[in-house]
């Protein structure tokens, strides 16, 4: 997620009206177990999620957690600015977006609710902290509090709502670097385990490499959490795919979520998906773009820029480029539907865990 180059938002304005419409995929989930997810508008059944982008961003702020001095912006004005991009995603078949911007990196749940209602897209936000990128996005108390104390903070958001609203998180989002994990990263994972066991919220972790993902699984198992509760974010960071197979067989979700228009990138994702299909593990795969917008400051005022990560239009490369490429490789329509409908529903569904 840690983007450092952006494209001005105005560069996209002319593309939206010209971008070709894609046939909407079926909204009913395929193979999803019964359960529910928590959106910014409240609880819905998993079979209402439909086609889901499992790792995206709508608004981020890369200034850092301390001091918390971000440029202010009006939510309604900003919602109107970003709405065309969500409407375009809706037109291409997207029914749910998993919004992965954590606290202290620009999470704005009230803006997400405005955009969800205006676009008709379900949006799911999160709780948790992000320790990757040199701990830049961790608040000071994350270094001094115990796992139990951090879990209590996150559970309050689950039970009472985020920031004085009634908007509740639908999953736990963490960020860690590469192996070996640092003590504070281990502490956050243990906190997430505590929160998961008391809420049922799944745990999505931005992860530096495959060895770190293996370590995450070990920590969670030791805490009494099934690997099925873990969504390995940025699993494409394991270029060989060796850890994909190992951890998917244990139940971990493999999130391939940096898809962009670059030809070499498309080939990389095709190869990962094809390999996992050959191993009989396609039912553990999630795909997404890791796309979105960042709030910056220009002339003392907030400005909004699209991530410069290889996509002409946010949230659409999967449908315009990757999907036909996968079909050429032999991935079937049902398998594509499983990765974009059934798998996200199963990965993010909430089932309260009982201890003892």
Protein backbone atom coordinates (compact mmCIF):
# COMPACT_ATOMS: atom_id res chain seq x y z
CA UNK A 1 0.00 0.00 0.00
CA UNK A 2 2.86 2.40 0.65
CA UNK A 3 2.71 4.39 -2.60
CA UNK A 4 5.04 7.32 -3.10
CA UNK A 5 4.12 8.46 -6.64
CA UNK A 6 0.72 9.76 -7.61
CA UNK A 7 -1.13 10.95 -10.68
CA UNK A 8 -3.29 14.05 -10.44
CA UNK A 9 -6.96 13.14 -10.07
CA UNK A 10 -7.87 15.45 -12.91
CA UNK A 11 -5.92 13.24 -15.33
CA UNK A 12 -8.63 10.59 -15.00
CA UNK A 13 -11.68 12.74 -15.55
CA UNK A 14 -11.79 12.29 -19.31
CA UNK A 15 -11.34 8.54 -19.17
CA UNK A 16 -14.46 7.64 -17.21
CA UNK A 17 -17.00 8.50 -19.90
CA UNK A 18 -14.89 6.77 -22.56
CA UNK A 19 -14.05 3.63 -20.62
CA UNK A 20 -15.85 0.63 -22.12
CA UNK A 21 -18.61 -1.01 -20.18
CA UNK A 22 -18.05 -4.58 -19.11
CA UNK A 23 -20.75 -7.16 -18.61
CA UNK A 24 -21.70 -7.35 -14.94
CA UNK A 25 -20.86 -10.68 -13.40
CA UNK A 26 -23.45 -12.56 -11.40
CA UNK A 27 -24.01 -11.04 -7.97
CA UNK A 28 -24.74 -14.28 -6.19
CA UNK A 29 -21.75 -15.79 -4.42
CA UNK A 30 -20.48 -19.15 -5.58
CA UNK A 31 -19.71 -21.70 -2.90
CA UNK A 32 -19.86 -19.19 -0.03
CA UNK A 33 -20.73 -20.58 3.37
CA UNK A 34 -23.56 -19.01 5.34
CA UNK A 35 -22.48 -16.07 7.44
CA UNK A 36 -22.44 -12.29 7.50
CA UNK A 37 -20.08 -9.40 6.88
CA UNK A 38 -20.08 -5.94 8.43
CA UNK A 39 -20.23 -3.04 5.99
CA UNK A 40 -20.12 0.69 6.75
CA UNK A 41 -23.92 0.57 6.47
CA UNK A 42 -24.31 -2.38 8.81
CA UNK A 43 -24.51 -6.15 8.67
CA UNK A 44 -25.33 -7.98 5.41
CA UNK A 45 -25.39 -11.66 4.52
CA UNK A 46 -22.39 -12.96 2.60
CA UNK A 47 -24.58 -13.87 -0.36
CA UNK A 48 -25.31 -10.15 -0.77
CA UNK A 49 -21.65 -9.28 -1.36
CA UNK A 50 -21.55 -10.27 -5.02
CA UNK A 51 -18.42 -9.51 -7.01
CA UNK A 52 -15.86 -8.24 -4.53
CA UNK A 53 -12.53 -6.42 -4.82
CA UNK A 54 -10.76 -7.79 -1.77
CA UNK A 55 -8.01 -5.19 -1.30
CA UNK A 56 -8.49 -1.56 -2.35
CA UNK A 57 -8.14 1.94 -0.95
CA UNK A 58 -10.43 4.90 -1.44
CA UNK A 59 -8.68 7.59 0.61
CA UNK A 60 -5.26 7.32 2.26
CA UNK A 61 -2.89 9.79 3.90
CA UNK A 62 0.80 8.91 3.95
CA UNK A 63 1.93 11.72 6.26
CA UNK A 64 2.43 9.42 9.26
CA UNK A 65 0.73 8.80 12.59
CA UNK A 66 2.61 11.32 14.72
CA UNK A 67 1.96 14.21 14.79
CA UNK A 68 -1.58 13.85 13.52
CA UNK A 69 -1.74 17.05 11.43
CA UNK A 70 -3.55 16.25 8.21
CA UNK A 71 -5.19 18.75 5.88
CA UNK A 72 -8.92 18.95 6.48
CA UNK A 73 -11.40 18.32 3.69
CA UNK A 74 -15.15 18.30 3.31
CA UNK A 75 -16.57 14.78 3.13
CA UNK A 76 -19.48 15.62 0.84
CA UNK A 77 -17.32 17.56 -1.62
CA UNK A 78 -14.77 14.74 -1.63
CA UNK A 79 -17.46 12.10 -2.08
CA UNK A 80 -18.76 13.89 -5.17
CA UNK A 81 -15.23 14.04 -6.56
CA UNK A 82 -14.57 10.32 -6.11
CA UNK A 83 -18.05 9.02 -6.88
CA UNK A 84 -17.55 8.67 -10.68
CA UNK A 85 -14.79 6.11 -10.13
CA UNK A 86 -16.95 3.98 -7.86
CA UNK A 87 -19.86 4.24 -10.27
CA UNK A 88 -17.56 3.02 -13.04
CA UNK A 89 -16.55 0.08 -10.86
CA UNK A 90 -20.21 -0.64 -10.17
CA UNK A 91 -20.90 -0.61 -13.90
CA UNK A 92 -18.16 -3.19 -14.47
CA UNK A 93 -19.87 -5.52 -11.98
CA UNK A 94 -18.28 -4.66 -8.63
CA UNK A 95 -20.74 -4.95 -5.75
CA UNK A 96 -18.41 -4.86 -2.72
CA UNK A 97 -15.06 -3.23 -1.97
CA UNK A 98 -12.88 -4.26 0.96
CA UNK A 99 -11.34 -0.90 1.95
CA UNK A 100 -7.98 -1.62 3.56
CA UNK A 101 -6.87 1.81 4.79
CA UNK A 102 -6.11 1.44 8.52
CA UNK A 103 -6.35 3.98 11.31
CA UNK A 104 -3.57 6.60 11.21
CA UNK A 105 -3.20 6.30 7.42
CA UNK A 106 -6.27 8.32 6.53
CA UNK A 107 -9.14 5.97 7.40
CA UNK A 108 -12.35 8.01 7.07
CA UNK A 109 -15.39 5.87 7.74
CA UNK A 110 -17.93 8.67 7.33
CA UNK A 111 -16.65 9.38 3.83
CA UNK A 112 -16.84 5.66 3.06
CA UNK A 113 -20.47 5.58 4.15
CA UNK A 114 -21.34 8.55 1.92
CA UNK A 115 -19.67 6.87 -1.05
CA UNK A 116 -21.28 3.52 -0.35
CA UNK A 117 -24.78 4.96 -0.26
CA UNK A 118 -24.24 7.11 -3.35
CA UNK A 119 -22.61 4.39 -5.47
CA UNK A 120 -24.59 1.34 -4.35
CA UNK A 121 -21.34 -0.50 -3.57
CA UNK A 122 -20.95 -2.25 -0.23
CA UNK A 123 -17.80 -0.95 1.48
CA UNK A 124 -16.14 -2.78 4.37
CA UNK A 125 -13.70 -0.93 6.62
CA UNK A 126 -11.33 -2.20 9.31
CA UNK A 127 -9.72 -1.91 12.71
CA UNK A 128 -6.09 -2.60 13.61
CA UNK A 129 -2.68 -0.93 13.15
CA UNK A 130 -0.04 -0.86 10.42
CA UNK A 131 3.57 -1.47 11.47
CA UNK A 132 5.25 -1.76 8.05
CA UNK A 133 7.37 1.02 6.50
CA UNK A 134 9.53 1.66 9.53
CA UNK A 135 6.61 1.95 12.01
CA UNK A 136 5.78 5.38 10.56
CA UNK A 137 2.05 4.77 10.88
CA UNK A 138 1.94 3.53 14.46
CA UNK A 139 0.61 5.82 17.21
CA UNK A 140 2.83 6.22 20.27
CA UNK A 141 0.65 4.04 22.48
CA UNK A 142 1.22 1.06 20.18
CA UNK A 143 4.79 0.86 21.48
CA UNK A 144 3.86 0.90 25.17
CA UNK A 145 0.57 -1.00 25.40
CA UNK A 146 0.30 -4.76 25.66
CA UNK A 147 -1.38 -7.01 23.12
CA UNK A 148 -4.36 -7.24 25.44
CA UNK A 149 -4.67 -3.45 25.69
CA UNK A 150 -4.41 -3.00 21.91
CA UNK A 151 -7.01 -5.71 21.34
CA UNK A 152 -9.33 -3.89 23.75
CA UNK A 153 -9.04 -0.73 21.65
CA UNK A 154 -9.93 -2.62 18.47
CA UNK A 155 -12.77 -4.50 20.13
CA UNK A 156 -14.28 -1.19 21.28
CA UNK A 157 -14.49 -0.17 17.63
CA UNK A 158 -16.17 -3.48 16.84
CA UNK A 159 -18.63 -3.23 19.73
CA UNK A 160 -19.34 0.52 19.81
CA UNK A 161 -18.35 1.95 16.45
CA UNK A 162 -15.38 3.88 15.07
CA UNK A 163 -14.60 7.43 16.19
CA UNK A 164 -17.94 8.23 17.77
CA UNK A 165 -19.96 6.83 14.83
CA UNK A 166 -22.03 3.67 14.67
CA UNK A 167 -19.84 2.40 11.80
CA UNK A 168 -18.20 -0.88 12.74
CA UNK A 169 -15.15 -2.59 11.20
CA UNK A 170 -15.58 -5.73 9.12
CA UNK A 171 -12.05 -7.11 9.60
CA UNK A 172 -8.71 -6.48 11.30
CA UNK A 173 -5.96 -4.91 9.16
CA UNK A 174 -2.30 -5.11 10.14
CA UNK A 175 0.94 -4.34 8.33
CA UNK A 176 4.32 -5.98 8.91
CA UNK A 177 7.63 -6.14 7.05
CA UNK A 178 9.77 -9.11 6.07
CA UNK A 179 10.95 -11.96 8.29
CA UNK A 180 12.10 -12.13 10.97
CA UNK A 181 9.21 -10.14 12.40
CA UNK A 182 10.06 -7.43 14.88
CA UNK A 183 8.74 -7.65 18.47
CA UNK A 184 6.16 -4.92 17.93
CA UNK A 185 4.90 -6.71 14.81
CA UNK A 186 4.53 -9.92 16.78
CA UNK A 187 2.68 -7.97 19.48
CA UNK A 188 0.18 -6.63 16.94
CA UNK A 189 -0.45 -10.12 15.57
CA UNK A 190 -1.08 -11.43 19.08
CA UNK A 191 -3.47 -8.52 19.66
CA UNK A 192 -5.28 -9.39 16.45
CA UNK A 193 -5.56 -13.01 17.61
CA UNK A 194 -7.20 -11.87 20.86
CA UNK A 195 -9.61 -9.59 18.98
CA UNK A 196 -10.44 -12.31 16.44
CA UNK A 197 -11.27 -14.87 19.12
CA UNK A 198 -13.69 -12.43 20.76
CA UNK A 199 -15.27 -10.98 17.61
CA UNK A 200 -14.84 -13.39 14.72
CA UNK A 201 -13.24 -10.62 12.61
CA UNK A 202 -10.77 -12.01 10.08
CA UNK A 203 -7.17 -10.80 10.06
CA UNK A 204 -5.68 -9.29 6.87
CA UNK A 205 -1.94 -8.63 7.13
CA UNK A 206 0.18 -6.62 4.71
CA UNK A 207 3.24 -8.87 4.64
CA UNK A 208 6.77 -8.28 3.36
CA UNK A 209 7.60 -11.80 2.21
CA UNK A 210 6.59 -15.45 2.37
CA UNK A 211 8.77 -16.26 5.37
CA UNK A 212 6.98 -13.53 7.34
CA UNK A 213 3.62 -15.00 6.33
CA UNK A 214 4.74 -18.38 7.62
CA UNK A 215 5.73 -16.75 10.91
CA UNK A 216 2.32 -15.07 11.14
CA UNK A 217 0.61 -18.43 10.79
CA UNK A 218 2.80 -19.90 13.53
CA UNK A 219 1.96 -17.04 15.92
CA UNK A 220 -1.77 -17.35 15.24
CA UNK A 221 -1.82 -21.12 15.67
CA UNK A 222 0.01 -20.76 19.00
CA UNK A 223 -2.67 -18.26 20.06
CA UNK A 224 -5.44 -20.71 19.19
CA UNK A 225 -6.43 -19.12 15.87
CA UNK A 226 -6.99 -21.18 12.72
CA UNK A 227 -4.91 -20.22 9.65
CA UNK A 228 -8.27 -19.81 7.87
CA UNK A 229 -8.65 -16.54 9.78
CA UNK A 230 -5.55 -15.11 8.06
CA UNK A 231 -5.63 -13.22 4.76
CA UNK A 232 -2.06 -12.93 3.48
CA UNK A 233 -2.07 -9.48 1.88
CA UNK A 234 0.41 -8.89 -0.98
CA UNK A 235 1.15 -12.58 -1.37
CA UNK A 236 2.62 -11.66 -4.77
CA UNK A 237 5.68 -10.59 -2.73
CA UNK A 238 6.57 -14.30 -2.81
CA UNK A 239 7.73 -14.42 -6.47
CA UNK A 240 8.26 -18.19 -6.58
CA UNK A 241 4.85 -19.03 -5.14
CA UNK A 242 6.43 -21.63 -2.86
CA UNK A 243 4.83 -20.21 0.27
CA UNK A 244 1.49 -19.76 -1.54
CA UNK A 245 1.06 -23.51 -1.80
CA UNK A 246 2.35 -24.28 1.69
CA UNK A 247 0.14 -21.76 3.48
CA UNK A 248 -2.95 -22.23 1.32
CA UNK A 249 -2.85 -25.94 2.17
CA UNK A 250 -2.97 -24.91 5.84
CA UNK A 251 -6.06 -22.81 5.14
CA UNK A 252 -4.56 -19.33 4.75
CA UNK A 253 -6.11 -17.00 2.14
CA UNK A 254 -3.69 -15.99 -0.63
CA UNK A 255 -4.39 -12.39 -1.64
CA UNK A 256 -2.81 -11.45 -4.99
CA UNK A 257 -3.69 -7.80 -4.85
CA UNK A 258 -1.37 -5.53 -6.81
CA UNK A 259 -2.81 -6.18 -10.25
CA UNK A 260 -2.02 -3.51 -12.85
CA UNK A 261 -1.86 -3.10 -16.62
CA UNK A 262 1.86 -3.79 -17.02
CA UNK A 263 2.34 -6.86 -19.21
CA UNK A 264 4.98 -8.44 -16.97
CA UNK A 265 2.70 -7.92 -13.98
CA UNK A 266 -0.21 -9.62 -15.73
CA UNK A 267 2.03 -12.57 -16.62
CA UNK A 268 3.14 -12.82 -12.99
CA UNK A 269 -0.43 -12.95 -11.71
CA UNK A 270 -1.49 -15.40 -14.41
CA UNK A 271 1.35 -17.71 -13.38
CA UNK A 272 0.49 -17.53 -9.68
CA UNK A 273 -3.18 -18.25 -10.35
CA UNK A 274 -2.45 -21.06 -12.79
CA UNK A 275 -0.02 -22.70 -10.34
CA UNK A 276 -2.56 -22.56 -7.52
CA UNK A 277 -5.20 -24.01 -9.81
CA UNK A 278 -2.85 -26.90 -10.60
CA UNK A 279 -2.44 -27.52 -6.87
CA UNK A 280 -6.20 -27.58 -6.36
CA UNK A 281 -6.03 -24.39 -4.29
CA UNK A 282 -7.94 -21.87 -6.38
CA UNK A 283 -10.60 -21.82 -3.67
CA UNK A 284 -8.09 -20.00 -1.42
CA UNK A 285 -7.23 -17.19 -3.87
CA UNK A 286 -8.30 -13.53 -3.68
CA UNK A 287 -7.49 -10.95 -6.37
CA UNK A 288 -7.52 -7.15 -6.30
CA UNK A 289 -5.67 -3.99 -7.43
CA UNK A 290 -4.50 -2.24 -4.22
CA UNK A 291 -5.65 0.94 -5.98
CA UNK A 292 -7.08 4.20 -4.72
CA UNK A 293 -6.40 7.85 -3.94
CA UNK A 294 -4.21 9.78 -1.52
CA UNK A 295 -4.96 13.07 0.17
CA UNK A 296 -2.05 15.48 -0.10
CA UNK A 297 -1.57 19.15 0.60
CA UNK A 298 -1.28 21.85 -2.04
CA UNK A 299 -1.19 25.51 -1.05
CA UNK A 300 -2.30 24.67 2.46
CA UNK A 301 -5.41 22.85 1.22
CA UNK A 302 -6.24 19.20 0.70
CA UNK A 303 -5.76 17.74 -2.76
CA UNK A 304 -6.52 14.26 -4.03
CA UNK A 305 -4.27 12.19 -6.26
CA UNK A 306 -4.66 8.73 -7.73
CA UNK A 307 -2.02 6.12 -6.93
CA UNK A 308 0.50 5.84 -9.75
CA UNK A 309 0.69 2.06 -9.83
CA UNK A 310 0.15 1.13 -13.43
CA UNK A 311 -3.63 1.44 -13.83
CA UNK A 312 -5.21 3.96 -16.20
CA UNK A 313 -8.52 3.70 -14.38
CA UNK A 314 -8.80 2.66 -10.72
CA UNK A 315 -10.51 -0.64 -9.88
CA UNK A 316 -10.95 -1.93 -13.48
CA UNK A 317 -7.82 -3.74 -14.70
CA UNK A 318 -9.01 -7.11 -13.42
CA UNK A 319 -12.00 -6.96 -15.73
CA UNK A 320 -10.45 -5.24 -18.74
CA UNK A 321 -7.06 -6.98 -18.84
CA UNK A 322 -6.58 -9.85 -16.38
CA UNK A 323 -9.93 -11.56 -16.86
CA UNK A 324 -9.61 -12.16 -20.64
CA UNK A 325 -5.97 -13.15 -20.13
CA UNK A 326 -7.00 -15.78 -17.59
CA UNK A 327 -9.67 -17.11 -19.94
CA UNK A 328 -6.98 -17.54 -22.62
CA UNK A 329 -4.98 -19.58 -20.11
CA UNK A 330 -7.88 -21.92 -19.42
CA UNK A 331 -9.35 -20.41 -16.26
CA UNK A 332 -13.10 -20.92 -16.55
CA UNK A 333 -15.85 -18.40 -15.89
CA UNK A 334 -16.88 -20.39 -12.83
CA UNK A 335 -13.31 -20.29 -11.50
CA UNK A 336 -13.10 -16.54 -12.07
CA UNK A 337 -16.41 -16.16 -10.25
CA UNK A 338 -15.09 -18.26 -7.38
CA UNK A 339 -12.08 -15.94 -6.95
CA UNK A 340 -14.14 -12.75 -7.10
CA UNK A 341 -17.43 -13.78 -5.51
CA UNK A 342 -17.31 -16.99 -3.49
CA UNK A 343 -13.80 -16.70 -2.06
CA UNK A 344 -14.15 -13.13 -0.69
CA UNK A 345 -17.46 -14.07 0.91
CA UNK A 346 -15.85 -17.02 2.65
CA UNK A 347 -12.67 -15.12 3.54
CA UNK A 348 -14.37 -12.13 5.19
CA UNK A 349 -17.44 -13.76 6.70
CA UNK A 350 -17.75 -13.27 10.44
CA UNK A 351 -18.33 -16.19 12.75
CA UNK A 352 -17.85 -15.54 16.44
CA UNK A 353 -15.26 -17.94 17.82
CA UNK A 354 -15.93 -19.65 21.13
CA UNK A 355 -13.09 -20.37 23.54
CA UNK A 356 -13.06 -23.23 25.97
